[in-house]
Protein backbone atom coordinates (compact mmCIF):
# COMPACT_ATOMS: atom_id res chain seq x y z
CA MET A 1 -0.06 0.28 0.10
CA VAL A 2 1.42 3.28 -1.02
CA PHE A 3 -0.04 6.86 -0.45
CA ARG A 4 -0.63 8.28 -4.06
CA LYS A 5 -2.81 11.50 -3.55
CA CYS A 6 -4.50 14.31 -1.20
CA SER A 7 -6.71 17.05 -1.32
CA ILE A 8 -6.15 19.49 1.17
CA GLY A 9 -8.18 22.96 1.57
CA GLY A 10 -9.89 22.02 -1.98
CA LYS A 11 -6.49 21.63 -3.78
CA ALA A 12 -5.81 18.47 -4.85
CA TYR A 13 -1.86 16.89 -4.73
CA HIS A 14 -0.93 13.96 -7.18
CA GLY A 15 2.35 13.15 -6.30
CA ASN A 16 5.14 13.16 -8.84
CA SER A 17 8.77 12.08 -9.67
CA PRO A 18 9.47 10.29 -6.32
CA VAL A 19 12.98 10.31 -5.43
CA GLU A 20 15.01 7.95 -3.36
CA VAL A 21 15.86 9.10 0.03
CA THR A 22 18.67 8.13 2.51
CA PRO A 23 18.30 8.75 5.87
CA ASN A 24 20.74 11.25 7.81
CA PRO A 25 20.94 11.12 11.58
CA GLU A 26 22.79 14.62 11.56
CA GLU A 27 20.09 16.48 9.48
CA GLU A 28 17.32 17.75 10.73
CA THR A 29 15.37 18.60 7.08
CA ARG A 30 11.75 19.61 7.04
CA GLU A 31 8.96 19.46 4.80
CA ALA A 32 5.36 19.04 4.50
CA VAL A 33 2.00 18.27 2.83
CA THR A 34 -2.01 18.03 3.14
CA MET A 35 -5.35 16.94 2.77
CA GLU A 36 -8.73 18.25 3.93
CA LYS A 37 -9.59 21.18 5.86
CA PRO A 38 -10.07 20.03 9.58
CA ALA A 39 -13.13 19.44 10.38
CA VAL A 40 -15.91 18.98 13.37
CA VAL A 41 -16.12 15.57 14.60
CA GLU A 42 -19.05 14.61 16.77
CA THR A 43 -18.63 15.38 20.52
CA GLN A 44 -20.11 12.06 21.71
CA GLU A 45 -16.93 10.48 21.37
CA VAL A 46 -15.32 12.22 24.00
CA ASN A 47 -17.59 10.38 26.55
CA ARG A 48 -15.95 6.99 25.65
CA SER A 49 -14.01 5.09 28.70
CA SER A 50 -10.19 5.45 28.35
CA ASP A 51 -10.01 1.72 29.76
CA SER A 52 -9.01 0.31 26.42
CA THR A 53 -6.30 2.32 25.62
CA ALA A 54 -3.68 0.30 26.54
CA THR A 55 -3.62 -3.02 24.34
CA ALA A 56 -4.57 -1.08 21.36
CA VAL A 57 -1.02 0.72 21.35
CA GLN A 58 1.16 -1.00 23.89
CA ASP A 59 4.72 -0.23 22.90
CA GLN A 60 6.95 -2.85 21.49
CA PRO A 61 9.30 -4.68 23.96
CA GLY A 62 12.76 -2.48 24.10
CA ASN A 63 11.48 0.59 22.70
CA ARG A 64 9.73 1.82 26.16
CA SER A 65 11.41 4.70 27.61
CA ASN A 66 14.14 4.76 24.62
CA PRO A 67 14.94 8.37 24.01
CA SER A 68 16.76 7.15 20.89
CA ILE A 69 13.41 7.45 18.85
CA LEU A 70 14.05 11.06 19.29
CA GLN A 71 17.71 11.29 18.12
CA ALA A 72 17.06 8.67 15.35
CA GLY A 73 17.53 9.40 11.56
CA ARG A 74 14.21 9.89 9.47
CA PRO A 75 12.49 6.80 8.09
CA THR A 76 14.05 5.09 5.10
CA LEU A 77 11.96 6.01 2.32
CA SER A 78 12.33 4.25 -1.06
CA ALA A 79 11.06 5.47 -4.45
CA GLU A 80 7.91 3.23 -4.08
CA THR A 81 7.01 4.78 -0.71
CA ARG A 82 7.91 8.25 -0.41
CA PHE A 83 5.37 10.92 -1.71
CA HIS A 84 6.49 13.66 -3.47
CA ASP A 85 4.69 16.69 -4.98
CA GLN A 86 6.74 19.81 -5.49
CA ASP A 87 3.59 21.88 -5.68
CA LEU A 88 2.47 20.42 -2.04
CA LEU A 89 6.02 21.25 -0.89
CA ASN A 90 6.24 24.77 -1.97
CA ASP A 91 2.72 25.44 -0.66
CA ILE A 92 4.30 23.81 2.74
CA GLU A 93 6.93 26.20 2.77
CA SER A 94 4.73 29.09 1.98
CA ALA A 95 2.75 28.05 4.99
CA VAL A 96 5.62 27.93 7.38
CA ASN A 97 6.57 31.33 6.21
CA ALA A 98 3.14 32.69 6.40
CA GLU A 99 2.61 36.16 8.01
CA PRO A 100 -0.03 36.85 10.67
CA GLY A 101 -3.70 36.71 9.22
CA GLN A 102 -2.86 34.62 6.29
CA GLU A 103 -2.48 31.05 8.19
CA THR A 104 -5.74 29.70 6.67
CA GLN A 105 -4.23 27.22 4.58
CA ALA A 106 -1.11 26.50 6.95
CA ARG A 107 -3.68 25.63 9.80
CA SER A 108 -5.29 23.16 7.42
CA MET A 109 -2.08 21.72 6.14
CA ASN A 110 -0.89 21.23 9.85
CA GLY A 111 -4.15 19.73 11.02
CA PHE A 112 -4.29 17.40 8.27
CA PHE A 113 -0.90 15.76 8.69
CA THR A 114 -0.95 16.17 12.61
CA VAL A 115 -3.99 13.62 12.25
CA LEU A 116 -2.26 11.63 9.83
CA SER A 117 0.76 11.32 11.95
CA LEU A 118 -0.90 10.48 14.99
CA CYS A 119 -3.91 8.71 14.69
CA HIS A 120 -3.14 5.01 14.21
CA THR A 121 -1.37 2.32 16.17
CA VAL A 122 1.94 2.28 14.47
CA LEU A 123 5.03 1.28 16.68
CA THR A 124 8.55 2.78 16.04
CA THR A 125 11.71 1.09 16.05
CA VAL A 126 15.65 2.14 15.61
CA ASP A 127 17.77 0.34 12.72
CA SER A 128 20.69 -0.70 14.45
CA GLU A 129 22.81 -0.41 11.44
CA THR A 130 21.74 2.70 9.99
CA GLY A 131 20.43 4.86 13.14
CA ALA A 132 17.09 5.47 10.81
CA LEU A 133 13.57 5.08 12.17
CA GLN A 134 11.66 2.22 11.26
CA TYR A 135 7.63 1.68 11.44
CA LYS A 136 5.66 -1.39 12.46
CA ALA A 137 1.98 -1.25 11.60
CA GLN A 138 -0.84 -3.88 12.20
CA SER A 139 -2.11 -3.11 8.39
CA PRO A 140 -0.06 -1.98 5.27
CA ASP A 141 -2.64 0.90 5.13
CA GLU A 142 -1.43 2.62 8.58
CA GLU A 143 2.21 1.92 7.15
CA ALA A 144 1.67 3.68 4.08
CA LEU A 145 0.02 7.00 5.77
CA VAL A 146 2.76 7.34 8.12
CA HIS A 147 5.15 7.02 5.92
CA GLY A 148 3.24 9.78 3.36
CA ALA A 149 3.11 11.92 6.26
CA ALA A 150 7.03 11.53 7.04
CA SER A 151 7.89 12.16 3.46
CA VAL A 152 6.53 15.68 3.91
CA GLY A 153 8.17 16.62 7.01
CA TYR A 154 5.75 14.85 9.42
CA VAL A 155 7.68 12.35 11.55
CA PHE A 156 6.06 10.38 13.89
CA ARG A 157 8.86 9.83 16.35
CA GLY A 158 7.11 7.06 18.31
CA ARG A 159 5.53 6.83 21.79
CA ASP A 160 7.32 6.74 25.24
CA ARG A 161 4.66 5.13 27.70
CA ASP A 162 1.97 7.43 27.01
CA VAL A 163 3.22 10.05 25.40
CA LEU A 164 3.36 10.55 21.49
CA HIS A 165 6.48 12.59 19.71
CA LEU A 166 6.01 14.43 16.67
CA GLN A 167 8.40 16.39 14.47
CA THR A 168 6.92 19.01 12.38
CA PRO A 169 8.28 21.49 9.24
CA PHE A 170 6.41 24.25 11.54
CA SER A 171 8.73 24.05 14.67
CA ASP A 172 12.34 22.89 15.35
CA ASP A 173 11.17 21.34 18.60
CA PHE A 174 9.30 18.26 18.63
CA GLU A 175 5.63 18.44 19.61
CA HIS A 176 4.32 16.02 22.37
CA TYR A 177 0.93 14.62 22.99
CA GLN A 178 -0.51 12.53 25.92
CA LEU A 179 -2.64 9.71 24.33
CA VAL A 180 -6.00 9.79 26.30
CA ASN A 181 -7.71 7.00 24.41
CA ILE A 182 -8.03 4.98 21.31
CA LEU A 183 -11.50 4.56 19.90
CA GLU A 184 -10.96 1.46 17.66
CA PHE A 185 -12.00 1.26 13.87
CA THR A 186 -15.53 -1.03 13.56
CA SER A 187 -17.43 -2.10 10.41
CA THR A 188 -19.94 -0.13 12.25
CA ARG A 189 -18.61 2.84 13.27
CA LYS A 190 -16.28 3.19 10.09
CA ARG A 191 -13.63 5.39 11.55
CA MET A 192 -11.07 5.43 13.89
CA SER A 193 -10.05 8.03 16.62
CA VAL A 194 -7.91 8.96 19.37
CA ILE A 195 -8.05 11.67 21.93
CA VAL A 196 -4.98 13.49 22.40
CA LYS A 197 -3.79 16.39 24.91
CA LYS A 198 -1.05 18.80 23.76
CA LEU A 199 1.82 18.74 26.53
CA ASP A 200 3.74 21.53 24.77
CA GLU A 201 4.57 24.92 27.22
CA GLY A 202 1.36 26.98 27.16
CA ASP A 203 -0.62 24.98 25.47
CA ASP A 204 -2.60 21.82 26.90
CA ARG A 205 -5.40 21.61 24.51
CA LEU A 206 -7.43 18.16 23.97
CA PHE A 207 -8.02 17.03 20.41
CA LEU A 208 -10.42 14.40 19.11
CA LEU A 209 -8.57 13.10 15.88
CA THR A 210 -10.19 10.89 13.67
CA LYS A 211 -9.92 9.04 10.08
CA GLY A 212 -12.92 7.05 8.19
CA ALA A 213 -14.82 6.65 5.05
CA ASP A 214 -15.91 9.99 3.76
CA ASN A 215 -19.38 9.25 4.09
CA VAL A 216 -19.17 8.97 7.70
CA ILE A 217 -16.82 11.78 8.15
CA PHE A 218 -18.76 14.18 5.74
CA GLU A 219 -22.37 13.82 7.75
CA ARG A 220 -20.68 15.16 11.15
CA LEU A 221 -18.93 17.93 9.73
CA LYS A 222 -20.08 21.42 11.05
CA ALA A 223 -22.39 23.53 8.75
CA GLY A 224 -20.75 25.67 6.38
CA ASN A 225 -17.82 25.71 3.99
CA ASP A 226 -20.04 23.87 1.15
CA ASP A 227 -17.74 25.00 -1.78
CA LEU A 228 -14.77 23.55 0.07
CA LYS A 229 -17.00 20.21 0.92
CA GLN A 230 -17.99 19.96 -2.44
CA ALA A 231 -14.37 20.49 -4.32
CA THR A 232 -13.10 17.83 -1.73
CA GLU A 233 -15.94 15.42 -2.53
CA ASP A 234 -15.20 16.05 -6.24
CA HIS A 235 -11.37 15.24 -5.52
CA LEU A 236 -12.44 11.82 -3.82
CA ASP A 237 -14.59 10.78 -6.81
CA SER A 238 -11.67 11.43 -8.98
CA PHE A 239 -9.45 9.46 -6.89
CA ALA A 240 -11.92 6.57 -6.39
CA ASN A 241 -12.28 6.55 -10.17
CA GLU A 242 -8.75 5.95 -10.68
CA GLY A 243 -8.89 2.76 -8.57
CA LEU A 244 -7.36 4.21 -5.15
CA ARG A 245 -8.70 3.49 -1.73
CA THR A 246 -9.99 6.88 -0.03
CA LEU A 247 -9.73 7.96 3.43
CA THR A 248 -10.96 11.11 5.09
CA LEU A 249 -9.49 12.92 8.24
CA ALA A 250 -10.83 15.77 10.50
CA TYR A 251 -10.36 16.60 14.17
CA LYS A 252 -11.95 18.73 16.71
CA VAL A 253 -10.66 20.99 19.68
CA ILE A 254 -12.42 19.46 22.60
CA PRO A 255 -13.61 22.23 24.92
CA ARG A 256 -12.91 22.23 28.45
CA THR A 257 -15.78 21.88 31.08
């Protein structure tokens, strides 16, 4: 399974000219990419219990509390697994350098890839020979999505107990999130969600991140942005007509009560 195309903020990115990448532990290059504008998801998910969290994302033995996941090189991405779209990379660079008041697309991109990077049960290890991160996923779909995000600078750095680590193009410092709960995918729900709490200084927001079938996500979006929704649906139809499997992402900031 390979990450091929995405639609973010009403703009489609198709990927082109993949280039083989060799990890370099000394290099901290940053890139980025995105899909659909973040959307509101049903709030009833927040009320689920957190008792079932541990078994779904249990760390691989030997990696728990191992600081090397934060120091390892970026994952090895072959020409087959790397998502490359120069137009997208240019838009990400513009988003990173956006002036105050011009961050709309930057927020959409950052929201999309943050969901892609954190809403999963992927485990990380460090290659003993190359020092590069490696991803171990329960399904090829999840591995492909995490590789796609890493291709553009959103590198999932792994989990230390209940804390998730994320490298993004928007900051020189890693972002850290407490994993509060996992709401697993089922054939009835047709979506997977995680609840995370940001642990960065001055920002302790609580987020619901979700990914799933487009009809399930779209019916839970807040009202408005009809043009954007239509453009995204048109892109999804186009992707599906090419024989590609599609997925929709969304997030919601959970209000404190």
